Amino acid sequence: MSSPTQFGPFTWMDPCWESEPICVPLFAGASVTIQIFPEGETDEHILSEDESDVLGRFLSLPQTRSDEIVPHLWQYYQDIRARVDPDEIVNIPDPADIWKHVQPRSVSVNRDERGVPYIDIEANCDWEPEHGLQLVLQNGTRWVRVSDYSGHLTDGRAYGKRFLDDWIADPSKTLPVRSLDELLAA
């Protein structure tokens, strides 16, 4: 079963609708699939209006916006590097090279308990092949999480410490760079 959208056709791949690979400017033109998980009975509209808007905003982000999370990717890499034998992990000598070791795979739209939409990006990364990488953008434009792939939209939800998300309430604030040790100790 296939259905057209403004992002091209989607095919039902139980349990979700999946797009053909789409080039993402944010990721230097790397291709990802968009996955839409229905929230109940499906109808002829795969995407709601706000899901289409959020995906459109995400797909229009320029590659320069990926620079904003280099410190977060570097921290994640350093956290893993500190916990494994150095011979068992890829050596990345410079944070400027971190994106060369990330392979975005899929994008989905998820919502928090208030209904706020998030772009949830699943990627592989060379330094953590088992748990991969999760990148999350609130409303398709604001980075709110960079971590191993857990499916949680924010650190507060992932660690059961909602105060870790207090910064999100202030639109002028950006995602803080925190080590795994800092998150666990909070």
Protein backbone atom coordinates (compact mmCIF):
# COMPACT_ATOMS: atom_id res chain seq x y z
CA MET A 1 0.00 0.00 0.00
CA SER A 2 1.39 3.41 -0.98
CA SER A 3 0.19 6.94 -0.34
CA PRO A 4 1.39 10.27 -1.81
CA THR A 5 2.47 13.23 0.35
CA GLN A 6 4.28 16.52 -0.20
CA PHE A 7 7.47 14.59 0.75
CA GLY A 8 6.92 11.95 -1.89
CA PRO A 9 5.20 8.57 -1.65
CA PHE A 10 5.10 6.63 1.60
CA THR A 11 4.77 2.86 1.72
CA TRP A 12 3.24 0.91 4.58
CA MET A 13 6.09 -1.03 6.23
CA ASP A 14 4.36 -2.41 9.32
CA PRO A 15 4.30 -0.76 11.89
CA CYS A 16 4.83 2.55 10.08
CA TRP A 17 4.58 4.50 6.84
CA GLU A 18 8.04 4.94 5.31
CA SER A 19 9.22 7.38 2.66
CA GLU A 20 11.71 6.83 -0.10
CA PRO A 21 15.18 8.14 0.88
CA ILE A 22 15.16 11.95 1.11
CA CYS A 23 18.27 14.16 0.97
CA VAL A 24 18.62 16.30 4.09
CA PRO A 25 20.55 19.59 3.75
CA LEU A 26 21.24 19.60 7.52
CA PHE A 27 23.26 16.41 7.04
CA ALA A 28 25.20 17.60 3.99
CA GLY A 29 22.71 15.93 1.67
CA ALA A 30 22.79 12.50 3.34
CA SER A 31 19.63 10.53 2.65
CA VAL A 32 17.25 9.38 5.36
CA THR A 33 13.85 7.76 5.37
CA ILE A 34 10.94 9.40 7.13
CA GLN A 35 8.90 7.06 9.28
CA ILE A 36 5.38 7.94 10.38
CA PHE A 37 3.89 5.80 13.12
CA PRO A 38 0.08 6.14 13.12
CA GLU A 39 -1.58 7.15 16.38
CA GLY A 40 -4.65 4.96 15.96
CA GLU A 41 -6.85 4.32 12.96
CA THR A 42 -5.21 5.40 9.73
CA ASP A 43 -7.02 7.38 7.08
CA GLU A 44 -6.01 8.76 3.70
CA HIS A 45 -3.80 11.40 5.40
CA ILE A 46 -0.54 9.92 6.60
CA LEU A 47 0.69 13.23 8.01
CA SER A 48 -1.27 15.74 10.05
CA GLU A 49 -0.87 19.40 9.14
CA ASP A 50 1.49 20.11 12.05
CA GLU A 51 3.58 17.00 11.27
CA SER A 52 3.96 18.25 7.69
CA ASP A 53 4.95 21.69 9.00
CA VAL A 54 7.52 20.25 11.42
CA LEU A 55 9.03 18.01 8.74
CA GLY A 56 9.13 20.94 6.31
CA ARG A 57 10.99 23.11 8.84
CA PHE A 58 13.44 20.27 9.55
CA LEU A 59 14.09 19.61 5.86
CA SER A 60 14.77 23.31 5.24
CA LEU A 61 17.46 23.60 7.95
CA PRO A 62 20.85 24.46 6.41
CA GLN A 63 23.92 22.34 7.06
CA THR A 64 25.36 25.12 9.26
CA ARG A 65 22.77 24.22 11.92
CA SER A 66 24.53 20.86 12.39
CA ASP A 67 27.55 22.79 13.72
CA GLU A 68 25.50 23.72 16.81
CA ILE A 69 25.68 20.17 18.15
CA VAL A 70 29.33 19.38 17.45
CA PRO A 71 30.17 19.99 21.16
CA HIS A 72 27.40 17.55 22.14
CA LEU A 73 28.55 14.89 19.68
CA TRP A 74 32.12 15.38 20.89
CA GLN A 75 31.02 14.97 24.53
CA TYR A 76 29.14 11.76 23.67
CA TYR A 77 32.26 10.46 21.88
CA GLN A 78 34.44 11.40 24.89
CA ASP A 79 32.01 9.67 27.30
CA ILE A 80 32.24 6.43 25.32
CA ARG A 81 36.00 6.74 24.83
CA ALA A 82 36.49 7.05 28.60
CA ARG A 83 34.59 3.81 29.19
CA VAL A 84 36.18 1.46 26.65
CA ASP A 85 39.62 0.26 25.67
CA PRO A 86 41.08 2.92 23.33
CA ASP A 87 41.98 0.16 20.85
CA GLU A 88 38.29 -0.76 20.57
CA ILE A 89 37.02 2.64 19.46
CA VAL A 90 37.60 4.77 16.42
CA ASN A 91 40.11 7.54 16.96
CA ILE A 92 38.67 10.96 16.16
CA PRO A 93 41.44 13.46 16.87
CA ASP A 94 39.48 16.65 16.24
CA PRO A 95 35.87 17.65 17.02
CA ALA A 96 35.68 19.20 13.53
CA ASP A 97 35.80 15.63 12.13
CA ILE A 98 32.95 14.21 14.24
CA TRP A 99 30.28 14.41 11.50
CA LYS A 100 32.45 12.17 9.28
CA HIS A 101 31.62 9.40 11.77
CA VAL A 102 27.83 9.85 11.82
CA GLN A 103 25.40 8.18 9.42
CA PRO A 104 21.80 9.44 9.76
CA ARG A 105 19.26 6.70 8.97
CA SER A 106 15.71 7.65 9.76
CA VAL A 107 13.54 10.49 10.98
CA SER A 108 10.19 10.31 12.74
CA VAL A 109 7.78 12.81 14.25
CA ASN A 110 6.93 12.14 17.89
CA ARG A 111 4.99 14.09 20.49
CA ASP A 112 5.44 14.71 24.17
CA GLU A 113 2.59 14.45 26.67
CA ARG A 114 1.48 18.03 25.83
CA GLY A 115 1.33 17.22 22.11
CA VAL A 116 4.44 19.23 21.18
CA PRO A 117 5.96 17.70 18.02
CA TYR A 118 9.61 16.63 17.89
CA ILE A 119 11.79 15.43 15.05
CA ASP A 120 13.49 12.28 16.31
CA ILE A 121 16.55 11.27 14.26
CA GLU A 122 18.11 7.84 14.52
CA ALA A 123 21.70 7.53 13.31
CA ASN A 124 24.64 5.18 13.41
CA CYS A 125 27.92 6.48 14.74
CA ASP A 126 31.34 4.88 14.47
CA TRP A 127 32.18 5.27 18.16
CA GLU A 128 29.06 3.52 19.51
CA PRO A 129 27.79 0.85 17.10
CA GLU A 130 25.58 -0.85 19.70
CA HIS A 131 23.48 2.10 20.93
CA GLY A 132 23.91 4.45 18.00
CA LEU A 133 22.94 8.09 18.13
CA GLN A 134 19.70 9.98 18.73
CA LEU A 135 19.26 13.62 17.74
CA VAL A 136 16.07 15.45 18.68
CA LEU A 137 14.70 18.78 17.49
CA GLN A 138 11.69 20.36 19.20
CA ASN A 139 9.20 21.67 16.60
CA GLY A 140 11.70 20.67 13.90
CA THR A 141 14.16 23.49 14.63
CA ARG A 142 15.48 23.53 18.22
CA TRP A 143 18.04 20.95 19.35
CA VAL A 144 16.91 19.40 22.64
CA ARG A 145 18.79 16.09 22.83
CA VAL A 146 21.99 14.42 21.58
CA SER A 147 22.59 10.98 23.06
CA ASP A 148 22.67 7.25 22.54
CA TYR A 149 19.43 6.02 20.98
CA SER A 150 16.93 5.43 23.79
CA GLY A 151 13.74 6.74 22.20
CA HIS A 152 13.32 9.43 24.88
CA LEU A 153 12.80 12.94 23.52
CA THR A 154 14.70 14.79 26.27
CA ASP A 155 17.31 14.06 28.92
CA GLY A 156 14.78 14.74 31.67
CA ARG A 157 12.54 11.99 30.35
CA ALA A 158 15.46 9.62 29.72
CA TYR A 159 16.86 9.92 33.23
CA GLY A 160 13.58 10.44 35.10
CA LYS A 161 14.78 13.87 36.22
CA ARG A 162 12.44 16.46 34.71
CA PHE A 163 14.53 19.35 36.05
CA LEU A 164 17.15 18.46 33.41
CA ASP A 165 14.67 19.92 30.91
CA ASP A 166 14.04 23.21 32.75
CA TRP A 167 16.20 25.09 30.23
CA ILE A 168 13.68 24.28 27.46
CA ALA A 169 11.10 26.68 28.96
CA ASP A 170 13.32 29.65 28.01
CA PRO A 171 13.33 30.03 24.20
CA SER A 172 16.61 31.95 24.35
CA LYS A 173 18.51 29.03 25.90
CA THR A 174 20.27 26.28 23.99
CA LEU A 175 20.88 22.64 24.78
CA PRO A 176 23.51 22.47 27.53
CA VAL A 177 26.55 20.27 26.94
CA ARG A 178 26.56 17.70 29.75
CA SER A 179 28.68 14.61 30.23
CA LEU A 180 27.13 11.26 31.09
CA ASP A 181 28.62 11.57 34.58
CA GLU A 182 26.91 14.95 35.03
CA LEU A 183 23.57 13.53 33.90
CA LEU A 184 23.84 10.56 36.23
CA ALA A 185 24.91 12.72 39.19
CA ALA A 186 22.15 15.30 38.70
